[in-house]
Each structure stands twice: as C-alpha cells, then as structure tokens.
Amino acid sequence: MSRGGDREDEVRRMLDGPHPQVPADLVRRAAERGGRALRRRLFARRLMLLVACVAVVAFAAWAVTVRPWEVPPAETTPLEGW
C-alpha cells in the first residue's frame, strides 16, 4: 500500500471512533464572541470615517486660510530695461 493510503486509513479510523462531547453553551459563547467582534469592527469603521471627515474639514479650513493656489507676491521689484 502507498503512504497516502496509510494516512487515509488512519484518518478514517480517527473519524469512525468516539467523538468528544461538545459543551452545551458552545453556541451561546460563539454567538457572543461573534457579536463582540462585529461591534468592534463597526466601531473601528465608524472611528476611521470620523477621522477621515475631520481630516477633510481640517484640510479645507487650512486651504481657505492659506490659499496655496495663489501666487505669492514678489519680494523684489522687477527691473525694467534689461
């Protein structure tokens, strides 16, 4: 027999054997844990959205006050006749 066949036979023997007992409150605990994970993910998503909105508002306020699109005034007077 090949090595793969031996492994298959061993797995079949393990699966045919007695199964361990599952705790009675396993479903309840899994649901609570999943609910917590879902709430954390939702909180993180909302927090990131809030941070992004604050960043956009801060950038807009900065841009309105500084006006980076305008050309700064020249510090020297251009010479004529060169």
N, C-alpha and C. Protein backbone atom coordinates (compact mmCIF):
# COMPACT_ATOMS: atom_id res chain seq x y z
N MET A 1 0.83 -1.17 0.00
CA MET A 1 0.00 0.00 0.00
C MET A 1 0.88 1.25 0.00
N SER A 2 0.40 2.29 -0.62
CA SER A 2 1.18 3.52 -0.67
C SER A 2 1.05 4.28 0.65
N ARG A 3 1.93 5.25 0.81
CA ARG A 3 1.93 6.03 2.04
C ARG A 3 0.64 6.85 2.18
N GLY A 4 0.12 7.36 1.07
CA GLY A 4 -1.12 8.11 1.11
C GLY A 4 -2.28 7.25 1.59
N GLY A 5 -2.30 5.98 1.21
CA GLY A 5 -3.36 5.08 1.64
C GLY A 5 -3.31 4.83 3.13
N ASP A 6 -2.11 4.74 3.70
CA ASP A 6 -1.97 4.55 5.15
C ASP A 6 -2.53 5.74 5.90
N ARG A 7 -2.25 6.91 5.41
CA ARG A 7 -2.74 8.12 6.07
C ARG A 7 -4.26 8.20 5.98
N GLU A 8 -4.80 7.82 4.83
CA GLU A 8 -6.25 7.83 4.68
C GLU A 8 -6.90 6.85 5.64
N ASP A 9 -6.31 5.67 5.77
CA ASP A 9 -6.87 4.67 6.69
C ASP A 9 -6.81 5.17 8.13
N GLU A 10 -5.72 5.84 8.49
CA GLU A 10 -5.60 6.36 9.84
C GLU A 10 -6.64 7.45 10.12
N VAL A 11 -6.85 8.32 9.14
CA VAL A 11 -7.86 9.37 9.29
C VAL A 11 -9.24 8.76 9.40
N ARG A 12 -9.54 7.74 8.61
CA ARG A 12 -10.85 7.08 8.68
C ARG A 12 -11.06 6.44 10.05
N ARG A 13 -10.03 5.82 10.60
CA ARG A 13 -10.15 5.21 11.94
C ARG A 13 -10.41 6.28 13.00
N MET A 14 -9.74 7.44 12.85
CA MET A 14 -9.95 8.52 13.82
C MET A 14 -11.37 9.05 13.73
N LEU A 15 -11.90 9.20 12.51
CA LEU A 15 -13.24 9.73 12.33
C LEU A 15 -14.32 8.74 12.74
N ASP A 16 -14.04 7.45 12.62
CA ASP A 16 -15.03 6.43 13.00
C ASP A 16 -15.08 6.22 14.50
N GLY A 17 -14.09 6.68 15.22
CA GLY A 17 -14.02 6.47 16.68
C GLY A 17 -15.01 7.33 17.42
N PRO A 18 -14.96 7.29 18.74
CA PRO A 18 -15.89 8.10 19.55
C PRO A 18 -15.57 9.59 19.41
N HIS A 19 -16.61 10.39 19.31
CA HIS A 19 -16.45 11.83 19.17
C HIS A 19 -16.49 12.48 20.55
N PRO A 20 -15.69 13.52 20.77
CA PRO A 20 -15.70 14.19 22.09
C PRO A 20 -17.01 14.94 22.30
N GLN A 21 -17.36 15.12 23.55
CA GLN A 21 -18.58 15.84 23.90
C GLN A 21 -18.38 17.34 23.66
N VAL A 22 -19.40 17.96 23.13
CA VAL A 22 -19.37 19.40 22.86
C VAL A 22 -20.05 20.10 24.02
N PRO A 23 -19.46 21.18 24.56
CA PRO A 23 -20.12 21.89 25.66
C PRO A 23 -21.51 22.38 25.25
N ALA A 24 -22.42 22.36 26.21
CA ALA A 24 -23.81 22.73 25.92
C ALA A 24 -23.94 24.21 25.56
N ASP A 25 -23.09 25.07 26.12
CA ASP A 25 -23.22 26.50 25.86
C ASP A 25 -22.28 26.99 24.75
N LEU A 26 -21.83 26.08 23.92
CA LEU A 26 -20.88 26.44 22.86
C LEU A 26 -21.49 27.42 21.87
N VAL A 27 -22.73 27.20 21.48
CA VAL A 27 -23.38 28.09 20.51
C VAL A 27 -23.55 29.48 21.11
N ARG A 28 -23.99 29.56 22.36
CA ARG A 28 -24.18 30.86 23.00
C ARG A 28 -22.86 31.62 23.10
N ARG A 29 -21.80 30.93 23.51
CA ARG A 29 -20.49 31.59 23.63
C ARG A 29 -19.98 32.05 22.26
N ALA A 30 -20.18 31.22 21.23
CA ALA A 30 -19.73 31.60 19.89
C ALA A 30 -20.52 32.81 19.38
N ALA A 31 -21.81 32.84 19.67
CA ALA A 31 -22.63 33.98 19.23
C ALA A 31 -22.21 35.26 19.95
N GLU A 32 -21.93 35.17 21.25
CA GLU A 32 -21.48 36.34 21.99
C GLU A 32 -20.15 36.85 21.45
N ARG A 33 -19.26 35.91 21.20
CA ARG A 33 -17.94 36.30 20.69
C ARG A 33 -18.04 36.94 19.31
N GLY A 34 -18.88 36.37 18.45
CA GLY A 34 -19.09 36.94 17.13
C GLY A 34 -19.74 38.31 17.20
N GLY A 35 -20.67 38.49 18.15
CA GLY A 35 -21.30 39.79 18.33
C GLY A 35 -20.31 40.85 18.78
N ARG A 36 -19.43 40.46 19.69
CA ARG A 36 -18.39 41.40 20.14
C ARG A 36 -17.47 41.78 18.99
N ALA A 37 -17.07 40.80 18.20
CA ALA A 37 -16.18 41.08 17.06
C ALA A 37 -16.88 42.00 16.07
N LEU A 38 -18.17 41.76 15.84
CA LEU A 38 -18.91 42.61 14.92
C LEU A 38 -19.02 44.04 15.44
N ARG A 39 -19.28 44.20 16.73
CA ARG A 39 -19.37 45.54 17.31
C ARG A 39 -18.03 46.25 17.25
N ARG A 40 -16.94 45.55 17.51
CA ARG A 40 -15.60 46.16 17.43
C ARG A 40 -15.30 46.62 16.01
N ARG A 41 -15.63 45.77 15.04
CA ARG A 41 -15.38 46.12 13.64
C ARG A 41 -16.20 47.34 13.24
N LEU A 42 -17.46 47.38 13.68
CA LEU A 42 -18.32 48.51 13.37
C LEU A 42 -17.80 49.79 14.03
N PHE A 43 -17.35 49.69 15.27
CA PHE A 43 -16.78 50.84 15.97
C PHE A 43 -15.53 51.34 15.26
N ALA A 44 -14.67 50.42 14.86
CA ALA A 44 -13.43 50.81 14.17
C ALA A 44 -13.75 51.49 12.84
N ARG A 45 -14.73 50.96 12.11
CA ARG A 45 -15.11 51.56 10.84
C ARG A 45 -15.66 52.97 11.03
N ARG A 46 -16.50 53.14 12.04
CA ARG A 46 -17.07 54.47 12.31
C ARG A 46 -15.99 55.45 12.77
N LEU A 47 -15.06 54.97 13.58
CA LEU A 47 -13.96 55.82 14.03
C LEU A 47 -13.10 56.27 12.86
N MET A 48 -12.79 55.37 11.95
CA MET A 48 -11.99 55.74 10.78
C MET A 48 -12.74 56.73 9.89
N LEU A 49 -14.04 56.56 9.76
CA LEU A 49 -14.83 57.51 8.98
C LEU A 49 -14.83 58.89 9.64
N LEU A 50 -14.94 58.92 10.96
CA LEU A 50 -14.89 60.19 11.68
C LEU A 50 -13.53 60.86 11.51
N VAL A 51 -12.46 60.10 11.63
CA VAL A 51 -11.11 60.66 11.46
C VAL A 51 -10.93 61.19 10.04
N ALA A 52 -11.44 60.48 9.05
CA ALA A 52 -11.33 60.94 7.67
C ALA A 52 -12.11 62.24 7.47
N CYS A 53 -13.30 62.32 8.04
CA CYS A 53 -14.09 63.56 7.92
C CYS A 53 -13.40 64.73 8.59
N VAL A 54 -12.83 64.50 9.77
CA VAL A 54 -12.11 65.56 10.47
C VAL A 54 -10.90 66.00 9.64
N ALA A 55 -10.21 65.06 9.02
CA ALA A 55 -9.05 65.41 8.20
C ALA A 55 -9.48 66.25 6.99
N VAL A 56 -10.59 65.92 6.37
CA VAL A 56 -11.07 66.69 5.22
C VAL A 56 -11.45 68.10 5.64
N VAL A 57 -12.13 68.23 6.77
CA VAL A 57 -12.53 69.56 7.26
C VAL A 57 -11.29 70.37 7.63
N ALA A 58 -10.32 69.75 8.28
CA ALA A 58 -9.10 70.47 8.66
C ALA A 58 -8.33 70.92 7.41
N PHE A 59 -8.26 70.05 6.41
CA PHE A 59 -7.57 70.44 5.16
C PHE A 59 -8.30 71.59 4.48
N ALA A 60 -9.63 71.52 4.45
CA ALA A 60 -10.40 72.58 3.81
C ALA A 60 -10.20 73.90 4.55
N ALA A 61 -10.21 73.88 5.87
CA ALA A 61 -10.00 75.11 6.65
C ALA A 61 -8.61 75.67 6.40
N TRP A 62 -7.61 74.80 6.36
CA TRP A 62 -6.24 75.24 6.09
C TRP A 62 -6.16 75.86 4.69
N ALA A 63 -6.77 75.21 3.70
CA ALA A 63 -6.69 75.70 2.33
C ALA A 63 -7.39 77.04 2.18
N VAL A 64 -8.48 77.24 2.89
CA VAL A 64 -9.20 78.51 2.79
C VAL A 64 -8.38 79.64 3.41
N THR A 65 -7.71 79.36 4.51
CA THR A 65 -6.94 80.43 5.18
C THR A 65 -5.60 80.69 4.49
N VAL A 66 -4.92 79.68 4.02
CA VAL A 66 -3.58 79.86 3.44
C VAL A 66 -3.66 80.16 1.94
N ARG A 67 -4.62 79.65 1.26
CA ARG A 67 -4.80 79.79 -0.19
C ARG A 67 -3.53 79.42 -0.95
N PRO A 68 -3.17 78.15 -0.93
CA PRO A 68 -1.92 77.73 -1.58
C PRO A 68 -1.97 77.81 -3.10
N TRP A 69 -3.12 78.01 -3.69
CA TRP A 69 -3.22 78.09 -5.15
C TRP A 69 -2.85 79.48 -5.68
N GLU A 70 -2.78 80.48 -4.81
CA GLU A 70 -2.42 81.82 -5.25
C GLU A 70 -0.90 81.96 -5.32
N VAL A 71 -0.46 82.76 -6.28
CA VAL A 71 0.97 83.02 -6.43
C VAL A 71 1.38 84.02 -5.36
N PRO A 72 2.45 83.74 -4.62
CA PRO A 72 2.87 84.69 -3.58
C PRO A 72 3.39 85.98 -4.21
N PRO A 73 3.26 87.10 -3.52
CA PRO A 73 3.74 88.37 -4.07
C PRO A 73 5.27 88.35 -4.20
N ALA A 74 5.74 89.04 -5.21
CA ALA A 74 7.17 89.08 -5.44
C ALA A 74 7.85 89.92 -4.35
N GLU A 75 8.99 89.45 -3.89
CA GLU A 75 9.70 90.16 -2.83
C GLU A 75 10.56 91.29 -3.38
N THR A 76 10.92 91.19 -4.65
CA THR A 76 11.73 92.24 -5.27
C THR A 76 10.96 92.84 -6.44
N THR A 77 11.27 94.05 -6.74
CA THR A 77 10.66 94.72 -7.88
C THR A 77 11.37 94.32 -9.13
N PRO A 78 10.63 93.93 -10.15
CA PRO A 78 11.33 93.54 -11.40
C PRO A 78 12.01 94.77 -12.02
N LEU A 79 13.19 94.56 -12.51
CA LEU A 79 13.94 95.64 -13.17
C LEU A 79 13.51 95.77 -14.62
N GLU A 80 13.36 96.98 -15.05
CA GLU A 80 12.98 97.20 -16.43
C GLU A 80 14.18 97.63 -17.24
N GLY A 81 14.19 97.28 -18.50
CA GLY A 81 15.23 97.70 -19.40
C GLY A 81 16.43 96.75 -19.45
N TRP A 82 16.34 95.62 -18.98
CA TRP A 82 17.47 94.68 -19.07
C TRP A 82 17.50 94.06 -20.39
